Amino acid sequence: MDVDFLFILSGLMFGLIIGYLAWYAVMPGVKEVNLNTVSAFIGVVAGAAITTLFPSGSQVFIGYTFGLAIGFFGPVIKRHRQEIERAYELQQHEKQAKELAEQQKKKELFAEEINQIDANWAEIEALMLKLVNNFPNRVDAKISANQLPFDSYSNDALNHIMKKFAAINEDWEYRKNSSESHLTRVPEGYKKKKKN
């Protein structure tokens, strides 16, 4: 094996060790760096002993500087990457917690709306009857959620109103698909049985 290559490799490996030790001494982002630490760092990586072992401008010195850079900045980059990953995991955790909180809040709101609907069903049913009586007596007559006179309720609550109304009124049937939900008039001769 080429002797020059071995010298360059030895300089590279020595630089890796010194660079890592220098990083550990400074610990960027962890330890407080003062002027004494910086001076000691410069003395280690570019002192007289180093320039004696690896003459400036030589191939061995170039190998040493490469190793020094890798040994020092390698852990810095790794640590920075770990911090980014931890920050991303924390962000995902916070996002999931927020979504769960919103889902729980939505469930609680829906439960409150159901209680309000049941408590005021007589008034709601009267408004629904008034609404459907104004629709033409056609088979294709449809009433969607946004046509209901209840602005304060959520879409889930409006669907519940339509479903409950259809369950006790044989002239109307509740239908729901992937895009919308609505009440549809039941054709004559196909009156559905009231649910007990």
N, C-alpha and C. Protein backbone atom coordinates (compact mmCIF):
# COMPACT_ATOMS: atom_id res chain seq x y z
N MET A 1 0.85 -1.20 0.00
CA MET A 1 0.00 0.00 0.00
C MET A 1 0.89 1.25 0.00
N ASP A 2 0.47 2.26 -0.69
CA ASP A 2 1.24 3.49 -0.83
C ASP A 2 1.47 4.13 0.55
N VAL A 3 2.74 4.48 0.82
CA VAL A 3 3.09 5.08 2.12
C VAL A 3 2.43 6.44 2.27
N ASP A 4 2.40 7.23 1.18
CA ASP A 4 1.77 8.55 1.25
C ASP A 4 0.30 8.44 1.63
N PHE A 5 -0.35 7.43 1.07
CA PHE A 5 -1.77 7.24 1.38
C PHE A 5 -1.95 6.93 2.87
N LEU A 6 -1.05 6.12 3.42
CA LEU A 6 -1.13 5.79 4.84
C LEU A 6 -0.93 7.03 5.70
N PHE A 7 0.00 7.90 5.28
CA PHE A 7 0.22 9.14 6.03
C PHE A 7 -1.05 10.02 6.00
N ILE A 8 -1.64 10.12 4.80
CA ILE A 8 -2.86 10.93 4.67
C ILE A 8 -3.99 10.34 5.51
N LEU A 9 -4.10 8.99 5.46
CA LEU A 9 -5.15 8.32 6.24
C LEU A 9 -4.93 8.51 7.74
N SER A 10 -3.67 8.43 8.16
CA SER A 10 -3.39 8.63 9.58
C SER A 10 -3.72 10.05 10.01
N GLY A 11 -3.40 11.03 9.13
CA GLY A 11 -3.75 12.41 9.43
C GLY A 11 -5.25 12.60 9.51
N LEU A 12 -5.96 11.93 8.61
CA LEU A 12 -7.43 12.01 8.62
C LEU A 12 -8.00 11.43 9.91
N MET A 13 -7.54 10.25 10.31
CA MET A 13 -8.06 9.61 11.52
C MET A 13 -7.71 10.42 12.76
N PHE A 14 -6.48 10.96 12.79
CA PHE A 14 -6.07 11.79 13.93
C PHE A 14 -6.94 13.05 14.00
N GLY A 15 -7.22 13.61 12.84
CA GLY A 15 -8.10 14.78 12.79
C GLY A 15 -9.50 14.47 13.29
N LEU A 16 -10.00 13.29 12.94
CA LEU A 16 -11.32 12.87 13.42
C LEU A 16 -11.35 12.83 14.95
N ILE A 17 -10.31 12.24 15.53
CA ILE A 17 -10.26 12.12 16.99
C ILE A 17 -10.17 13.50 17.64
N ILE A 18 -9.25 14.32 17.16
CA ILE A 18 -9.08 15.66 17.73
C ILE A 18 -10.35 16.49 17.54
N GLY A 19 -10.96 16.38 16.36
CA GLY A 19 -12.18 17.13 16.10
C GLY A 19 -13.31 16.73 17.03
N TYR A 20 -13.44 15.40 17.26
CA TYR A 20 -14.49 14.94 18.16
C TYR A 20 -14.23 15.40 19.59
N LEU A 21 -12.96 15.29 20.03
CA LEU A 21 -12.62 15.73 21.38
C LEU A 21 -12.85 17.24 21.54
N ALA A 22 -12.54 17.99 20.47
CA ALA A 22 -12.77 19.43 20.51
C ALA A 22 -14.26 19.73 20.60
N TRP A 23 -15.05 18.98 19.84
CA TRP A 23 -16.52 19.17 19.91
C TRP A 23 -17.01 18.86 21.32
N TYR A 24 -16.51 17.78 21.89
CA TYR A 24 -16.95 17.39 23.24
C TYR A 24 -16.55 18.46 24.26
N ALA A 25 -15.39 19.09 24.07
CA ALA A 25 -14.93 20.12 24.99
C ALA A 25 -15.79 21.38 24.89
N VAL A 26 -16.21 21.69 23.67
CA VAL A 26 -17.00 22.90 23.45
C VAL A 26 -18.50 22.62 23.60
N MET A 27 -18.96 21.46 23.09
CA MET A 27 -20.36 21.06 23.14
C MET A 27 -21.27 22.19 22.66
N PRO A 28 -21.31 22.51 21.39
CA PRO A 28 -22.14 23.62 20.90
C PRO A 28 -23.61 23.42 21.28
N GLY A 29 -24.19 24.45 21.85
CA GLY A 29 -25.60 24.40 22.23
C GLY A 29 -25.84 23.77 23.57
N VAL A 30 -24.78 23.24 24.21
CA VAL A 30 -24.94 22.59 25.52
C VAL A 30 -24.12 23.31 26.58
N LYS A 31 -22.81 23.44 26.29
CA LYS A 31 -21.93 24.10 27.25
C LYS A 31 -21.78 25.57 26.91
N GLU A 32 -21.56 26.36 27.92
CA GLU A 32 -21.31 27.79 27.70
C GLU A 32 -19.86 27.97 27.27
N VAL A 33 -19.69 28.59 26.12
CA VAL A 33 -18.36 28.76 25.56
C VAL A 33 -17.80 30.11 25.98
N ASN A 34 -16.58 30.13 26.55
CA ASN A 34 -15.92 31.38 26.91
C ASN A 34 -14.62 31.52 26.13
N LEU A 35 -13.92 32.64 26.34
CA LEU A 35 -12.69 32.89 25.60
C LEU A 35 -11.61 31.87 25.91
N ASN A 36 -11.54 31.41 27.13
CA ASN A 36 -10.54 30.40 27.50
C ASN A 36 -10.77 29.10 26.73
N THR A 37 -12.05 28.74 26.61
CA THR A 37 -12.37 27.51 25.87
C THR A 37 -12.00 27.64 24.42
N VAL A 38 -12.29 28.80 23.83
CA VAL A 38 -11.96 29.02 22.42
C VAL A 38 -10.44 29.00 22.21
N SER A 39 -9.73 29.63 23.10
CA SER A 39 -8.27 29.66 23.00
C SER A 39 -7.69 28.26 23.10
N ALA A 40 -8.21 27.49 24.05
CA ALA A 40 -7.74 26.11 24.19
C ALA A 40 -8.06 25.29 22.96
N PHE A 41 -9.23 25.53 22.38
CA PHE A 41 -9.64 24.82 21.18
C PHE A 41 -8.68 25.11 20.01
N ILE A 42 -8.38 26.39 19.82
CA ILE A 42 -7.46 26.77 18.74
C ILE A 42 -6.07 26.17 18.98
N GLY A 43 -5.64 26.18 20.25
CA GLY A 43 -4.34 25.61 20.57
C GLY A 43 -4.25 24.14 20.27
N VAL A 44 -5.36 23.43 20.47
CA VAL A 44 -5.37 21.98 20.22
C VAL A 44 -5.31 21.68 18.74
N VAL A 45 -6.17 22.36 17.96
CA VAL A 45 -6.32 21.99 16.55
C VAL A 45 -5.27 22.61 15.65
N ALA A 46 -4.62 23.70 16.09
CA ALA A 46 -3.65 24.37 15.20
C ALA A 46 -2.37 24.77 15.92
N GLY A 47 -2.06 24.07 17.01
CA GLY A 47 -0.86 24.39 17.77
C GLY A 47 0.42 23.93 17.10
N ALA A 48 1.52 24.24 17.78
CA ALA A 48 2.84 23.90 17.23
C ALA A 48 3.02 22.41 17.08
N ALA A 49 2.47 21.62 18.02
CA ALA A 49 2.62 20.17 17.94
C ALA A 49 1.96 19.62 16.68
N ILE A 50 0.81 20.16 16.34
CA ILE A 50 0.09 19.68 15.15
C ILE A 50 0.83 20.06 13.88
N THR A 51 1.27 21.30 13.81
CA THR A 51 1.98 21.73 12.60
C THR A 51 3.33 21.03 12.44
N THR A 52 3.86 20.53 13.55
CA THR A 52 5.10 19.75 13.47
C THR A 52 4.81 18.37 12.91
N LEU A 53 3.73 17.74 13.42
CA LEU A 53 3.35 16.41 12.92
C LEU A 53 2.89 16.47 11.49
N PHE A 54 2.11 17.50 11.16
CA PHE A 54 1.52 17.62 9.83
C PHE A 54 1.90 18.99 9.26
N PRO A 55 3.00 19.09 8.55
CA PRO A 55 3.45 20.39 8.02
C PRO A 55 2.37 21.05 7.17
N SER A 56 2.21 22.35 7.38
CA SER A 56 1.19 23.10 6.65
C SER A 56 1.42 23.01 5.14
N GLY A 57 0.33 22.72 4.42
CA GLY A 57 0.40 22.62 2.96
C GLY A 57 0.65 21.22 2.47
N SER A 58 1.02 20.31 3.35
CA SER A 58 1.27 18.94 2.93
C SER A 58 -0.04 18.18 2.77
N GLN A 59 0.03 17.04 2.07
CA GLN A 59 -1.15 16.21 1.89
C GLN A 59 -1.65 15.66 3.23
N VAL A 60 -0.69 15.37 4.12
CA VAL A 60 -1.07 14.85 5.44
C VAL A 60 -1.84 15.91 6.21
N PHE A 61 -1.41 17.16 6.10
CA PHE A 61 -2.11 18.25 6.78
C PHE A 61 -3.51 18.43 6.20
N ILE A 62 -3.65 18.28 4.89
CA ILE A 62 -4.98 18.36 4.26
C ILE A 62 -5.89 17.26 4.80
N GLY A 63 -5.32 16.03 4.89
CA GLY A 63 -6.10 14.94 5.46
C GLY A 63 -6.51 15.23 6.90
N TYR A 64 -5.59 15.83 7.65
CA TYR A 64 -5.88 16.19 9.04
C TYR A 64 -7.02 17.20 9.13
N THR A 65 -7.00 18.22 8.27
CA THR A 65 -8.05 19.24 8.31
C THR A 65 -9.41 18.66 7.93
N PHE A 66 -9.41 17.74 6.96
CA PHE A 66 -10.67 17.08 6.61
C PHE A 66 -11.20 16.28 7.80
N GLY A 67 -10.32 15.52 8.42
CA GLY A 67 -10.73 14.74 9.59
C GLY A 67 -11.19 15.63 10.72
N LEU A 68 -10.49 16.75 10.90
CA LEU A 68 -10.86 17.69 11.96
C LEU A 68 -12.27 18.23 11.74
N ALA A 69 -12.55 18.61 10.49
CA ALA A 69 -13.87 19.16 10.15
C ALA A 69 -14.97 18.12 10.36
N ILE A 70 -14.69 16.89 9.89
CA ILE A 70 -15.70 15.83 10.04
C ILE A 70 -15.90 15.49 11.51
N GLY A 71 -14.79 15.39 12.25
CA GLY A 71 -14.90 15.03 13.66
C GLY A 71 -15.62 16.07 14.48
N PHE A 72 -15.48 17.35 14.12
CA PHE A 72 -16.12 18.42 14.89
C PHE A 72 -17.56 18.65 14.43
N PHE A 73 -17.75 18.80 13.11
CA PHE A 73 -19.08 19.17 12.61
C PHE A 73 -20.02 17.97 12.45
N GLY A 74 -19.44 16.75 12.36
CA GLY A 74 -20.29 15.56 12.28
C GLY A 74 -21.26 15.46 13.46
N PRO A 75 -20.76 15.50 14.71
CA PRO A 75 -21.67 15.47 15.86
C PRO A 75 -22.61 16.67 15.92
N VAL A 76 -22.11 17.84 15.46
CA VAL A 76 -22.97 19.04 15.45
C VAL A 76 -24.17 18.81 14.54
N ILE A 77 -23.90 18.30 13.34
CA ILE A 77 -24.98 18.04 12.37
C ILE A 77 -25.92 16.96 12.90
N LYS A 78 -25.34 15.92 13.49
CA LYS A 78 -26.16 14.85 14.05
C LYS A 78 -27.06 15.37 15.16
N ARG A 79 -26.50 16.19 16.04
CA ARG A 79 -27.28 16.75 17.14
C ARG A 79 -28.39 17.67 16.61
N HIS A 80 -28.05 18.47 15.62
CA HIS A 80 -29.05 19.36 15.03
C HIS A 80 -30.18 18.56 14.40
N ARG A 81 -29.83 17.46 13.73
CA ARG A 81 -30.85 16.61 13.13
C ARG A 81 -31.74 15.99 14.19
N GLN A 82 -31.15 15.56 15.29
CA GLN A 82 -31.93 14.99 16.38
C GLN A 82 -32.88 16.02 16.97
N GLU A 83 -32.41 17.27 17.09
CA GLU A 83 -33.26 18.34 17.61
C GLU A 83 -34.43 18.61 16.66
N ILE A 84 -34.17 18.55 15.36
CA ILE A 84 -35.24 18.74 14.38
C ILE A 84 -36.26 17.62 14.49
N GLU A 85 -35.78 16.38 14.63
CA GLU A 85 -36.67 15.23 14.76
C GLU A 85 -37.52 15.32 16.02
N ARG A 86 -36.88 15.74 17.13
CA ARG A 86 -37.63 15.90 18.39
C ARG A 86 -38.68 17.01 18.26
N ALA A 87 -38.30 18.10 17.60
CA ALA A 87 -39.24 19.20 17.40
C ALA A 87 -40.42 18.75 16.54
N TYR A 88 -40.13 17.93 15.51
CA TYR A 88 -41.19 17.42 14.64
C TYR A 88 -42.12 16.48 15.41
N GLU A 89 -41.53 15.59 16.22
CA GLU A 89 -42.34 14.68 17.04
C GLU A 89 -43.21 15.45 18.02
N LEU A 90 -42.64 16.49 18.63
CA LEU A 90 -43.42 17.31 19.55
C LEU A 90 -44.56 18.02 18.83
N GLN A 91 -44.27 18.51 17.63
CA GLN A 91 -45.30 19.19 16.84
C GLN A 91 -46.42 18.22 16.48
N GLN A 92 -46.05 16.98 16.09
CA GLN A 92 -47.06 15.97 15.75
C GLN A 92 -47.89 15.60 16.97
N HIS A 93 -47.22 15.49 18.12
CA HIS A 93 -47.93 15.16 19.36
C HIS A 93 -48.92 16.26 19.71
N GLU A 94 -48.49 17.51 19.60
CA GLU A 94 -49.38 18.63 19.89
C GLU A 94 -50.55 18.68 18.90
N LYS A 95 -50.27 18.36 17.64
CA LYS A 95 -51.32 18.34 16.62
C LYS A 95 -52.35 17.27 16.93
N GLN A 96 -51.88 16.06 17.31
CA GLN A 96 -52.80 14.98 17.65
C GLN A 96 -53.62 15.32 18.89
N ALA A 97 -52.96 15.93 19.88
CA ALA A 97 -53.68 16.32 21.10
C ALA A 97 -54.75 17.36 20.78
N LYS A 98 -54.42 18.30 19.89
CA LYS A 98 -55.39 19.33 19.50
C LYS A 98 -56.57 18.71 18.75
N GLU A 99 -56.28 17.75 17.85
CA GLU A 99 -57.35 17.08 17.10
C GLU A 99 -58.26 16.29 18.03
N LEU A 100 -57.66 15.59 19.00
CA LEU A 100 -58.46 14.83 19.96
C LEU A 100 -59.33 15.77 20.80
N ALA A 101 -58.76 16.90 21.19
CA ALA A 101 -59.52 17.88 21.98
C ALA A 101 -60.69 18.43 21.17
N GLU A 102 -60.45 18.70 19.89
CA GLU A 102 -61.51 19.22 19.02
C GLU A 102 -62.60 18.17 18.81
N GLN A 103 -62.19 16.90 18.64
CA GLN A 103 -63.17 15.82 18.49
C GLN A 103 -64.01 15.66 19.74
N GLN A 104 -63.36 15.73 20.90
CA GLN A 104 -64.08 15.62 22.16
C GLN A 104 -65.05 16.78 22.34
N LYS A 105 -64.59 17.98 21.99
CA LYS A 105 -65.45 19.16 22.09
C LYS A 105 -66.65 19.04 21.15
N LYS A 106 -66.41 18.50 19.95
CA LYS A 106 -67.48 18.30 18.98
C LYS A 106 -68.51 17.29 19.50
N LYS A 107 -68.03 16.22 20.12
CA LYS A 107 -68.94 15.21 20.69
C LYS A 107 -69.78 15.82 21.82
N GLU A 108 -69.13 16.60 22.66
CA GLU A 108 -69.86 17.22 23.77
C GLU A 108 -70.90 18.21 23.26
N LEU A 109 -70.53 18.98 22.24
CA LEU A 109 -71.47 19.94 21.65
C LEU A 109 -72.65 19.21 21.03
N PHE A 110 -72.37 18.11 20.31
CA PHE A 110 -73.44 17.34 19.68
C PHE A 110 -74.38 16.76 20.73
N ALA A 111 -73.82 16.26 21.83
CA ALA A 111 -74.66 15.72 22.91
C ALA A 111 -75.56 16.80 23.49
N GLU A 112 -75.03 18.00 23.66
CA GLU A 112 -75.85 19.12 24.16
C GLU A 112 -76.95 19.48 23.16
N GLU A 113 -76.62 19.46 21.88
CA GLU A 113 -77.62 19.76 20.85
C GLU A 113 -78.72 18.72 20.82
N ILE A 114 -78.37 17.46 20.99
CA ILE A 114 -79.38 16.39 21.01
C ILE A 114 -80.33 16.60 22.19
N ASN A 115 -79.79 16.97 23.33
CA ASN A 115 -80.64 17.23 24.51
C ASN A 115 -81.58 18.41 24.25
N GLN A 116 -81.06 19.45 23.60
CA GLN A 116 -81.89 20.60 23.28
C GLN A 116 -82.99 20.23 22.28
N ILE A 117 -82.62 19.42 21.29
CA ILE A 117 -83.61 19.00 20.28
C ILE A 117 -84.71 18.17 20.93
N ASP A 118 -84.34 17.23 21.77
CA ASP A 118 -85.35 16.39 22.45
C ASP A 118 -86.24 17.21 23.37
N ALA A 119 -85.63 18.20 24.04
CA ALA A 119 -86.40 19.02 24.98
C ALA A 119 -87.36 19.96 24.26
N ASN A 120 -87.02 20.35 23.03
CA ASN A 120 -87.85 21.30 22.27
C ASN A 120 -88.42 20.67 21.00
N TRP A 121 -88.64 19.35 21.07
CA TRP A 121 -89.04 18.66 19.85
C TRP A 121 -90.41 19.11 19.33
N ALA A 122 -91.35 19.40 20.20
CA ALA A 122 -92.69 19.82 19.76
C ALA A 122 -92.59 21.08 18.89
N GLU A 123 -91.79 22.04 19.33
CA GLU A 123 -91.62 23.28 18.57
C GLU A 123 -90.87 23.03 17.27
N ILE A 124 -89.85 22.17 17.35
CA ILE A 124 -89.05 21.85 16.15
C ILE A 124 -89.91 21.11 15.13
N GLU A 125 -90.70 20.16 15.58
CA GLU A 125 -91.55 19.41 14.66
C GLU A 125 -92.57 20.32 13.99
N ALA A 126 -93.11 21.28 14.75
CA ALA A 126 -94.08 22.21 14.16
C ALA A 126 -93.42 23.04 13.05
N LEU A 127 -92.21 23.48 13.28
CA LEU A 127 -91.48 24.23 12.25
C LEU A 127 -91.17 23.36 11.04
N MET A 128 -90.83 22.10 11.29
CA MET A 128 -90.56 21.17 10.19
C MET A 128 -91.81 20.92 9.36
N LEU A 129 -92.95 20.76 10.02
CA LEU A 129 -94.21 20.54 9.30
C LEU A 129 -94.56 21.76 8.45
N LYS A 130 -94.34 22.93 9.02
CA LYS A 130 -94.59 24.16 8.27
C LYS A 130 -93.68 24.23 7.04
N LEU A 131 -92.44 23.80 7.21
CA LEU A 131 -91.49 23.81 6.11
C LEU A 131 -91.89 22.84 5.00
N VAL A 132 -92.19 21.60 5.36
CA VAL A 132 -92.50 20.59 4.34
C VAL A 132 -93.83 20.87 3.64
N ASN A 133 -94.75 21.52 4.36
CA ASN A 133 -96.04 21.83 3.73
C ASN A 133 -95.90 22.89 2.64
N ASN A 134 -94.83 23.68 2.73
CA ASN A 134 -94.59 24.69 1.70
C ASN A 134 -93.90 24.13 0.47
N PHE A 135 -93.45 22.87 0.54
CA PHE A 135 -92.79 22.25 -0.61
C PHE A 135 -93.85 21.67 -1.54
N PRO A 136 -93.59 21.69 -2.83
CA PRO A 136 -94.57 21.13 -3.78
C PRO A 136 -94.78 19.64 -3.55
N ASN A 137 -95.97 19.22 -3.82
CA ASN A 137 -96.32 17.81 -3.60
C ASN A 137 -95.85 16.99 -4.80
N ARG A 138 -94.53 16.87 -4.89
CA ARG A 138 -93.93 16.10 -5.98
C ARG A 138 -93.04 15.01 -5.41
N VAL A 139 -92.88 13.96 -6.20
CA VAL A 139 -92.07 12.82 -5.74
C VAL A 139 -90.60 13.23 -5.58
N ASP A 140 -90.14 14.15 -6.44
CA ASP A 140 -88.73 14.53 -6.41
C ASP A 140 -88.45 15.66 -5.42
N ALA A 141 -89.41 16.05 -4.60
CA ALA A 141 -89.21 17.12 -3.63
C ALA A 141 -88.17 16.68 -2.59
N LYS A 142 -87.18 17.54 -2.39
CA LYS A 142 -86.11 17.24 -1.43
C LYS A 142 -85.85 18.44 -0.54
N ILE A 143 -85.51 18.15 0.71
CA ILE A 143 -85.15 19.20 1.66
C ILE A 143 -83.77 18.86 2.22
N SER A 144 -82.81 19.73 2.00
CA SER A 144 -81.46 19.50 2.50
C SER A 144 -81.27 20.21 3.83
N ALA A 145 -80.16 19.93 4.50
CA ALA A 145 -79.91 20.47 5.84
C ALA A 145 -79.83 21.99 5.85
N ASN A 146 -79.28 22.57 4.78
CA ASN A 146 -79.13 24.03 4.75
C ASN A 146 -80.44 24.76 4.52
N GLN A 147 -81.52 24.02 4.27
CA GLN A 147 -82.83 24.64 4.10
C GLN A 147 -83.65 24.64 5.40
N LEU A 148 -83.13 23.99 6.43
CA LEU A 148 -83.86 23.94 7.69
C LEU A 148 -83.75 25.28 8.42
N PRO A 149 -84.79 25.68 9.14
CA PRO A 149 -84.80 26.98 9.82
C PRO A 149 -84.14 26.93 11.20
N PHE A 150 -82.96 26.32 11.27
CA PHE A 150 -82.26 26.19 12.55
C PHE A 150 -80.78 26.56 12.36
N ASP A 151 -80.49 27.82 12.35
CA ASP A 151 -79.13 28.28 12.07
C ASP A 151 -78.14 27.97 13.19
N SER A 152 -78.66 27.80 14.40
CA SER A 152 -77.76 27.64 15.55
C SER A 152 -77.24 26.22 15.72
N TYR A 153 -77.78 25.27 14.93
CA TYR A 153 -77.38 23.87 15.08
C TYR A 153 -76.28 23.50 14.09
N SER A 154 -75.47 22.52 14.48
CA SER A 154 -74.43 22.00 13.59
C SER A 154 -75.06 21.08 12.55
N ASN A 155 -74.27 20.71 11.53
CA ASN A 155 -74.77 19.81 10.49
C ASN A 155 -75.18 18.46 11.05
N ASP A 156 -74.42 17.96 12.02
CA ASP A 156 -74.78 16.67 12.63
C ASP A 156 -76.13 16.76 13.33
N ALA A 157 -76.36 17.89 14.01
CA ALA A 157 -77.64 18.07 14.69
C ALA A 157 -78.78 18.21 13.69
N LEU A 158 -78.54 18.91 12.58
CA LEU A 158 -79.57 19.05 11.55
C LEU A 158 -79.91 17.69 10.93
N ASN A 159 -78.90 16.85 10.72
CA ASN A 159 -79.15 15.50 10.22
C ASN A 159 -79.98 14.70 11.22
N HIS A 160 -79.70 14.91 12.48
CA HIS A 160 -80.47 14.21 13.52
C HIS A 160 -81.94 14.66 13.48
N ILE A 161 -82.15 15.95 13.29
CA ILE A 161 -83.52 16.47 13.19
C ILE A 161 -84.26 15.84 12.01
N MET A 162 -83.60 15.81 10.86
CA MET A 162 -84.23 15.23 9.67
C MET A 162 -84.51 13.74 9.86
N LYS A 163 -83.57 13.04 10.46
CA LYS A 163 -83.75 11.60 10.68
C LYS A 163 -84.91 11.34 11.65
N LYS A 164 -84.97 12.12 12.70
CA LYS A 164 -86.05 11.94 13.68
C LYS A 164 -87.39 12.33 13.09
N PHE A 165 -87.43 13.39 12.32
CA PHE A 165 -88.67 13.82 11.68
C PHE A 165 -89.18 12.76 10.71
N ALA A 166 -88.27 12.19 9.92
CA ALA A 166 -88.66 11.17 8.95
C ALA A 166 -89.14 9.90 9.63
N ALA A 167 -88.62 9.62 10.83
CA ALA A 167 -89.00 8.40 11.55
C ALA A 167 -90.46 8.44 12.01
N ILE A 168 -91.01 9.65 12.19
CA ILE A 168 -92.37 9.76 12.70
C ILE A 168 -93.33 10.40 11.69
N ASN A 169 -92.85 10.66 10.49
CA ASN A 169 -93.70 11.21 9.43
C ASN A 169 -93.57 10.35 8.18
N GLU A 170 -94.64 9.64 7.85
CA GLU A 170 -94.57 8.66 6.77
C GLU A 170 -94.47 9.29 5.38
N ASP A 171 -94.71 10.59 5.28
CA ASP A 171 -94.62 11.24 3.98
C ASP A 171 -93.17 11.55 3.56
N TRP A 172 -92.25 11.47 4.53
CA TRP A 172 -90.88 11.86 4.23
C TRP A 172 -89.90 10.77 4.68
N GLU A 173 -88.84 10.66 3.89
CA GLU A 173 -87.81 9.65 4.15
C GLU A 173 -86.44 10.33 4.22
N TYR A 174 -85.64 9.92 5.20
CA TYR A 174 -84.29 10.49 5.36
C TYR A 174 -83.31 9.68 4.53
N ARG A 175 -82.53 10.38 3.74
CA ARG A 175 -81.51 9.73 2.91
C ARG A 175 -80.18 10.47 3.06
N LYS A 176 -79.12 9.67 3.04
CA LYS A 176 -77.78 10.24 3.18
C LYS A 176 -76.81 9.49 2.28
N ASN A 177 -75.98 10.27 1.57
CA ASN A 177 -74.93 9.67 0.75
C ASN A 177 -73.61 10.34 1.09
N SER A 178 -72.60 10.10 0.29
CA SER A 178 -71.26 10.60 0.60
C SER A 178 -71.16 12.13 0.52
N SER A 179 -72.04 12.75 -0.25
CA SER A 179 -71.94 14.20 -0.45
C SER A 179 -72.95 15.02 0.33
N GLU A 180 -74.14 14.47 0.59
CA GLU A 180 -75.17 15.25 1.27
C GLU A 180 -76.19 14.33 1.93
N SER A 181 -77.04 14.96 2.73
CA SER A 181 -78.18 14.26 3.34
C SER A 181 -79.41 15.13 3.14
N HIS A 182 -80.57 14.51 3.02
CA HIS A 182 -81.78 15.28 2.76
C HIS A 182 -83.03 14.45 3.09
N LEU A 183 -84.14 15.15 3.12
CA LEU A 183 -85.45 14.52 3.24
C LEU A 183 -86.06 14.41 1.85
N THR A 184 -86.61 13.26 1.54
CA THR A 184 -87.24 13.03 0.24
C THR A 184 -88.69 12.64 0.45
N ARG A 185 -89.58 13.22 -0.35
CA ARG A 185 -90.99 12.87 -0.24
C ARG A 185 -91.23 11.45 -0.72
N VAL A 186 -91.99 10.71 0.04
CA VAL A 186 -92.29 9.31 -0.31
C VAL A 186 -93.47 9.29 -1.28
N PRO A 187 -93.32 8.61 -2.41
CA PRO A 187 -94.41 8.57 -3.39
C PRO A 187 -95.66 7.91 -2.81
N GLU A 188 -96.84 8.29 -3.32
CA GLU A 188 -98.10 7.66 -2.93
C GLU A 188 -98.05 6.17 -3.29
N GLY A 189 -98.55 5.37 -2.43
CA GLY A 189 -98.52 3.92 -2.65
C GLY A 189 -97.29 3.26 -2.07
N TYR A 190 -96.33 4.08 -1.62
CA TYR A 190 -95.11 3.54 -1.00
C TYR A 190 -94.87 4.15 0.36
N LYS A 191 -95.94 4.50 1.02
CA LYS A 191 -95.82 5.09 2.33
C LYS A 191 -95.08 4.13 3.26
N LYS A 192 -94.07 4.59 3.87
CA LYS A 192 -93.33 3.72 4.79
C LYS A 192 -94.05 3.65 6.12
N LYS A 193 -93.90 2.53 6.80
CA LYS A 193 -94.53 2.34 8.09
C LYS A 193 -93.85 3.15 9.15
N LYS A 194 -94.63 3.71 10.07
CA LYS A 194 -94.05 4.46 11.16
C LYS A 194 -93.28 3.52 12.08
N LYS A 195 -92.17 4.00 12.53
CA LYS A 195 -91.37 3.21 13.48
C LYS A 195 -91.95 3.32 14.86
N ASN A 196 -92.07 2.20 15.49
CA ASN A 196 -92.60 2.22 16.88
C ASN A 196 -91.54 2.68 17.85
